[in-house]
Amino acid sequence: MTGEEKLKMLVIGKSKSPRCFKGIKSLEVKHEFNKKLWMASEIFDRWLKALDKQMGQQHRKIALLIDSYPIHSPKDYGEKLKNVNVIFFPPNCTKICSHWISE
């Protein structure tokens, strides 16, 4: 809640093995690839499951607030996730919330 602890940034690129990563053994970001360069539901599901596993290893339970973007569409995550409680914002709330946060 304080912002001191941050997750690795998820970077989505076009290539599975970009030339710029050649010879790099470890990245400070999590890299996924998608030919269209955007978030896909498969990528989001993998990321969410990995987050759930990470929180389980740390013996933590968290609430994750997510906007109502179609890729993040509410699925039955409650049965799949043990350590992450996914809470979706109502539709059309992102603009209002981002304005409130920036004030």
Foldseek 3Di string as FASTA:
>chain_A
DPPPDDDAAEFEAADPDDPVCPPPDDDSHHYHYDNVRDDALVNVVVVVLVVLVVCVVVVAAEEAEEECPPSPHDDPCVVVGDRYHYDYDPPPCVVVVVVVVVD
